[in-house]
Protein backbone atom coordinates (compact mmCIF):
# COMPACT_ATOMS: atom_id res chain seq x y z
CA UNK A 1 50.75 -30.68 -8.69
CA UNK A 2 47.37 -30.87 -10.43
CA UNK A 3 46.85 -32.61 -13.77
CA UNK A 4 46.69 -29.43 -15.88
CA UNK A 5 49.89 -28.01 -14.43
CA UNK A 6 51.64 -31.37 -14.76
CA UNK A 7 50.63 -31.55 -18.43
CA UNK A 8 51.82 -27.99 -19.06
CA UNK A 9 55.18 -28.62 -17.39
CA UNK A 10 55.75 -32.05 -18.97
CA UNK A 11 54.38 -31.63 -22.49
CA UNK A 12 54.76 -27.87 -22.71
CA UNK A 13 51.17 -27.30 -23.82
CA UNK A 14 47.53 -28.07 -23.14
CA UNK A 15 44.10 -27.36 -24.61
CA UNK A 16 41.26 -25.54 -22.87
CA UNK A 17 37.56 -25.18 -23.61
CA UNK A 18 36.79 -21.96 -25.48
CA UNK A 19 33.49 -21.64 -23.61
CA UNK A 20 35.57 -19.73 -21.04
CA UNK A 21 35.65 -16.80 -23.48
CA UNK A 22 32.55 -17.60 -25.51
CA UNK A 23 31.06 -14.08 -25.53
CA UNK A 24 34.40 -12.45 -26.23
CA UNK A 25 35.16 -14.82 -29.10
CA UNK A 26 31.74 -14.15 -30.63
CA UNK A 27 32.71 -10.48 -30.74
CA UNK A 28 36.05 -11.38 -32.39
CA UNK A 29 34.14 -13.37 -34.99
CA UNK A 30 31.88 -10.40 -35.78
CA UNK A 31 34.91 -8.18 -36.31
CA UNK A 32 36.47 -10.72 -38.68
CA UNK A 33 33.26 -11.24 -40.66
CA UNK A 34 32.82 -7.48 -41.03
CA UNK A 35 36.37 -6.85 -42.27
CA UNK A 36 36.81 -10.05 -44.30
CA UNK A 37 33.41 -10.23 -46.00
CA UNK A 38 34.56 -11.45 -49.43
CA UNK A 39 35.40 -14.98 -50.54
CA UNK A 40 38.76 -16.65 -49.89
CA UNK A 41 39.98 -16.33 -53.48
CA UNK A 42 39.67 -12.55 -53.31
CA UNK A 43 42.05 -12.37 -50.34
CA UNK A 44 44.43 -14.95 -51.77
CA UNK A 45 44.93 -12.68 -54.77
CA UNK A 46 45.71 -9.56 -52.75
CA UNK A 47 49.26 -8.36 -52.27
CA UNK A 48 50.76 -8.98 -48.84
CA UNK A 49 50.60 -5.26 -48.02
CA UNK A 50 46.92 -4.86 -48.97
CA UNK A 51 46.00 -8.03 -47.09
CA UNK A 52 47.78 -6.86 -43.96
CA UNK A 53 46.16 -3.43 -44.09
CA UNK A 54 42.78 -5.15 -43.84
CA UNK A 55 44.12 -7.34 -41.03
CA UNK A 56 45.46 -4.28 -39.21
CA UNK A 57 42.06 -2.58 -39.30
CA UNK A 58 40.44 -5.67 -37.73
CA UNK A 59 43.26 -5.98 -35.20
CA UNK A 60 42.88 -2.36 -34.08
CA UNK A 61 39.14 -2.79 -33.54
CA UNK A 62 39.79 -5.77 -31.27
CA UNK A 63 42.73 -4.10 -29.51
CA UNK A 64 40.50 -1.17 -28.49
CA UNK A 65 37.61 -3.36 -27.32
CA UNK A 66 36.42 -4.31 -23.86
CA UNK A 67 36.18 -7.90 -25.07
CA UNK A 68 39.94 -8.44 -25.43
CA UNK A 69 40.42 -7.06 -21.91
CA UNK A 70 37.76 -9.41 -20.52
CA UNK A 71 39.28 -12.37 -22.37
CA UNK A 72 42.71 -11.67 -20.84
CA UNK A 73 41.22 -11.32 -17.35
CA UNK A 74 39.46 -14.67 -17.69
CA UNK A 75 42.63 -16.38 -18.88
CA UNK A 76 44.59 -14.87 -15.96
CA UNK A 77 42.02 -16.34 -13.57
CA UNK A 78 42.43 -19.68 -15.33
CA UNK A 79 46.20 -19.53 -14.80
CA UNK A 80 45.74 -18.83 -11.10
CA UNK A 81 43.59 -21.96 -10.94
CA UNK A 82 46.07 -24.05 -12.95
CA UNK A 83 48.98 -22.95 -10.76
CA UNK A 84 46.80 -23.11 -7.63
CA UNK A 85 48.05 -19.73 -6.48
CA UNK A 86 46.93 -16.24 -5.58
CA UNK A 87 50.04 -14.79 -7.18
CA UNK A 88 49.25 -12.02 -9.64
CA UNK A 89 49.60 -12.71 -13.36
CA UNK A 90 49.95 -10.15 -16.13
CA UNK A 91 48.91 -10.33 -19.77
CA UNK A 92 50.71 -8.83 -22.74
CA UNK A 93 49.23 -5.39 -23.39
CA UNK A 94 48.84 -6.14 -27.09
CA UNK A 95 48.16 -9.29 -29.07
CA UNK A 96 49.61 -10.74 -32.23
CA UNK A 97 47.16 -11.22 -35.08
CA UNK A 98 48.34 -13.42 -37.95
CA UNK A 99 45.59 -14.11 -40.52
CA UNK A 100 47.16 -16.86 -42.62
CA UNK A 101 45.84 -17.46 -46.10
CA UNK A 102 45.28 -21.01 -47.26
CA UNK A 103 47.73 -22.69 -49.61
CA UNK A 104 49.55 -19.43 -50.26
CA UNK A 105 53.32 -19.43 -49.79
CA UNK A 106 53.66 -15.69 -49.27
CA UNK A 107 57.04 -14.43 -48.08
CA UNK A 108 56.76 -13.63 -44.39
CA UNK A 109 53.22 -14.95 -43.99
CA UNK A 110 54.38 -18.18 -42.38
CA UNK A 111 56.39 -17.59 -39.21
CA UNK A 112 59.47 -19.83 -38.94
CA UNK A 113 60.34 -22.01 -35.95
CA UNK A 114 61.21 -19.93 -32.90
CA UNK A 115 60.62 -19.57 -29.17
CA UNK A 116 59.91 -16.36 -27.29
CA UNK A 117 63.55 -15.91 -26.25
CA UNK A 118 64.51 -15.91 -29.95
CA UNK A 119 63.62 -12.22 -29.92
CA UNK A 120 64.88 -9.84 -27.26
CA UNK A 121 67.53 -12.08 -25.71
CA UNK A 122 69.17 -10.66 -22.56
CA UNK A 123 67.33 -7.36 -23.05
CA UNK A 124 64.03 -9.13 -22.37
CA UNK A 125 64.79 -12.01 -19.95
CA UNK A 126 61.14 -12.21 -18.93
CA UNK A 127 60.32 -13.99 -22.21
CA UNK A 128 61.83 -17.13 -20.68
CA UNK A 129 58.90 -17.21 -18.22
CA UNK A 130 56.11 -16.43 -20.67
CA UNK A 131 53.19 -18.66 -21.64
CA UNK A 132 51.38 -18.12 -24.92
CA UNK A 133 47.63 -18.18 -25.49
CA UNK A 134 46.63 -19.08 -29.05
CA UNK A 135 42.92 -18.57 -29.71
CA UNK A 136 41.61 -19.71 -33.09
CA UNK A 137 38.71 -17.32 -33.68
CA UNK A 138 37.07 -19.95 -35.86
CA UNK A 139 37.76 -23.64 -35.32
CA UNK A 140 40.70 -25.02 -37.30
CA UNK A 141 41.36 -28.42 -38.77
CA UNK A 142 44.59 -30.30 -38.09
CA UNK A 143 46.12 -29.19 -41.41
CA UNK A 144 45.62 -25.57 -40.33
CA UNK A 145 47.22 -25.85 -36.88
CA UNK A 146 50.57 -24.47 -35.74
CA UNK A 147 53.69 -26.62 -35.91
CA UNK A 148 55.79 -27.47 -32.86
CA UNK A 149 58.63 -29.67 -31.62
CA UNK A 150 57.59 -32.08 -28.87
CA UNK A 151 59.07 -31.23 -25.43
CA UNK A 152 61.41 -28.64 -26.96
CA UNK A 153 60.66 -26.29 -24.06
CA UNK A 154 63.17 -28.40 -22.11
CA UNK A 155 66.06 -27.59 -24.51
CA UNK A 156 68.52 -24.93 -23.33
CA UNK A 157 68.83 -21.74 -25.36
CA UNK A 158 72.60 -22.15 -25.78
CA UNK A 159 72.08 -25.37 -27.74
CA UNK A 160 69.88 -23.72 -30.36
CA UNK A 161 71.34 -22.39 -33.62
CA UNK A 162 69.63 -19.30 -35.08
CA UNK A 163 69.80 -17.61 -38.44
CA UNK A 164 68.57 -14.18 -39.49
CA UNK A 165 66.20 -14.34 -42.42
CA UNK A 166 66.29 -11.56 -45.01
CA UNK A 167 66.97 -7.90 -44.33
CA UNK A 168 65.81 -5.70 -41.50
CA UNK A 169 62.41 -4.17 -42.16
CA UNK A 170 61.02 -0.87 -40.94
CA UNK A 171 59.48 -0.84 -37.49
CA UNK A 172 55.90 0.23 -36.80
CA UNK A 173 54.62 -0.92 -40.21
CA UNK A 174 51.34 -2.82 -40.55
CA UNK A 175 53.26 -6.11 -40.45
CA UNK A 176 55.23 -5.13 -37.36
CA UNK A 177 52.11 -3.92 -35.57
CA UNK A 178 50.33 -7.19 -36.33
CA UNK A 179 53.15 -9.03 -34.57
CA UNK A 180 55.58 -9.98 -37.33
CA UNK A 181 59.25 -9.45 -36.46
CA UNK A 182 60.98 -6.59 -38.25
CA UNK A 183 64.12 -8.75 -38.57
CA UNK A 184 62.90 -12.37 -38.66
CA UNK A 185 65.02 -15.23 -37.37
CA UNK A 186 64.57 -18.96 -37.60
CA UNK A 187 65.96 -21.96 -35.77
CA UNK A 188 68.18 -24.05 -38.06
CA UNK A 189 69.85 -26.44 -35.64
CA UNK A 190 70.23 -27.83 -32.14
CA UNK A 191 66.71 -29.25 -32.10
CA UNK A 192 65.10 -32.18 -33.97
CA UNK A 193 63.28 -30.10 -36.60
CA UNK A 194 62.53 -33.29 -38.56
CA UNK A 195 60.24 -34.34 -35.70
CA UNK A 196 57.96 -31.33 -36.14
CA UNK A 197 54.25 -32.02 -35.89
CA UNK A 198 51.06 -30.02 -35.76
CA UNK A 199 49.03 -29.27 -32.68
CA UNK A 200 45.60 -30.89 -32.68
CA UNK A 201 43.47 -28.19 -31.10
CA UNK A 202 40.02 -29.75 -30.58
CA UNK A 203 36.83 -28.09 -31.73
CA UNK A 204 35.77 -25.20 -29.45
CA UNK A 205 39.16 -25.15 -27.72
CA UNK A 206 42.14 -22.83 -27.49
CA UNK A 207 45.81 -23.58 -26.95
CA UNK A 208 48.11 -22.74 -24.04
CA UNK A 209 51.81 -23.42 -24.48
CA UNK A 210 55.13 -22.64 -22.85
CA UNK A 211 56.86 -19.74 -24.61
CA UNK A 212 60.01 -21.87 -24.73
CA UNK A 213 58.27 -24.57 -26.78
CA UNK A 214 59.67 -24.27 -30.28
CA UNK A 215 56.84 -23.48 -32.66
CA UNK A 216 56.02 -21.96 -36.04
CA UNK A 217 52.88 -20.96 -37.85
CA UNK A 218 53.20 -23.59 -40.58
CA UNK A 219 51.41 -23.53 -43.91
CA UNK A 220 47.64 -23.28 -43.77
CA UNK A 221 46.55 -26.27 -45.85
CA UNK A 222 42.85 -25.87 -45.18
CA UNK A 223 40.16 -24.28 -47.32
CA UNK A 224 39.75 -21.11 -45.26
CA UNK A 225 41.89 -18.29 -43.87
CA UNK A 226 43.20 -19.10 -40.40
CA UNK A 227 42.37 -16.33 -37.92
CA UNK A 228 43.91 -16.42 -34.46
CA UNK A 229 44.70 -14.10 -31.58
CA UNK A 230 47.92 -14.66 -29.63
CA UNK A 231 48.91 -13.05 -26.35
CA UNK A 232 51.25 -13.84 -23.47
CA UNK A 233 50.74 -14.50 -19.77
CA UNK A 234 53.42 -14.16 -17.10
CA UNK A 235 53.64 -14.12 -13.31
CA UNK A 236 54.02 -10.51 -12.19
CA UNK A 237 57.07 -11.32 -10.05
CA UNK A 238 58.86 -12.74 -13.11
CA UNK A 239 58.30 -9.69 -15.27
CA UNK A 240 61.74 -8.24 -14.65
CA UNK A 241 63.07 -5.72 -17.13
CA UNK A 242 66.68 -4.79 -16.29
CA UNK A 243 66.80 -2.15 -19.02
CA UNK A 244 63.33 -0.75 -18.26
CA UNK A 245 62.50 -0.62 -21.96
CA UNK A 246 59.46 -2.88 -22.06
CA UNK A 247 57.16 -0.08 -23.26
CA UNK A 248 55.69 -1.10 -26.64
CA UNK A 249 54.29 1.05 -29.43
CA UNK A 250 51.70 -1.66 -30.19
CA UNK A 251 49.68 -0.66 -27.12
CA UNK A 252 51.42 2.44 -25.71
CA UNK A 253 51.85 0.45 -22.49
CA UNK A 254 54.49 -1.81 -20.92
CA UNK A 255 54.81 -5.19 -22.62
CA UNK A 256 52.95 -6.95 -19.77
CA UNK A 257 50.26 -5.27 -17.70
CA UNK A 258 47.17 -5.90 -15.64
CA UNK A 259 44.38 -5.85 -18.27
CA UNK A 260 42.48 -2.58 -17.98
CA UNK A 261 40.12 -1.06 -20.52
CA UNK A 262 41.38 2.26 -21.84
CA UNK A 263 39.16 4.66 -23.80
C-alpha cells in the first residue's frame, strides 16, 4: 500500500496540490469574481435567499462548463494512481457549492456534523464507499476550514445518534440545488464531538476525505467569503443502487457518472 493510500485509509483524509487542476480552478475563480464583484459587507447584509440566488447563478455557470468536467477527470486519474489500479472510477454528476459568509450565523448556512450515509441510508448504500473532494476556489486560512472528527470514518453507523433539524423544506429550491439538504440532520451522539478540529488545508491545495469521516462546514471566522466546490468519487463497481433511483435533478443524470461534457 503506497503512502497516500495508507494516509487516506488511516487518517481518513489527505491534501493534494491544486496545481493538478490549476487551469480549471482559474476558471472557477473568474466565475466567482464576476458574480460576487461587491465587497464582503454587501453580501453579509443580504438575506439568505438573495445570497443563494447569486450563488446559484455562479454554480450553474460552473456546472455547465467544460472546466468542471476536466477537473473531475483529472481527479479520477489521481484516484487510480492513489489506489494503484485500472479500475474505473465515477464522479458525482453535480457538485455542491456552499459559499459561506464570514462571521455570519445564518440559519442553514453552516452545515452540521454528518457523514455521507447520514442522507439516503439503505436507499443509497453507495454513499458508504464515497470519497469527497473539497476544492477551496481561493485559499483559506485555518479559521475558515471545515470541521471534522479525527478517525471518525472508522465508527460504525449504528453507533451514531442523529437528530432532524427543523422542518422539511421544499425540494429543488436554490438551497437544495446548491447542495443543502431539504430536511437537515445532525449528529448529536455516539462520536466524540468535543474533539472536533479544523482541517489545515495548505496553500494551493485541495482536500480529499472519506465520505464516512464525520465533518461539518463550521463557522467561517475569516475576513472573506469561503468559496468551495465539493463533489464525490466512487469506484464504478461500488456504485450499486438497489432501488435504481439515483437519477438527480441537479444534473439530470445518475448521481455518479463518467464525466462527459454535455451541451
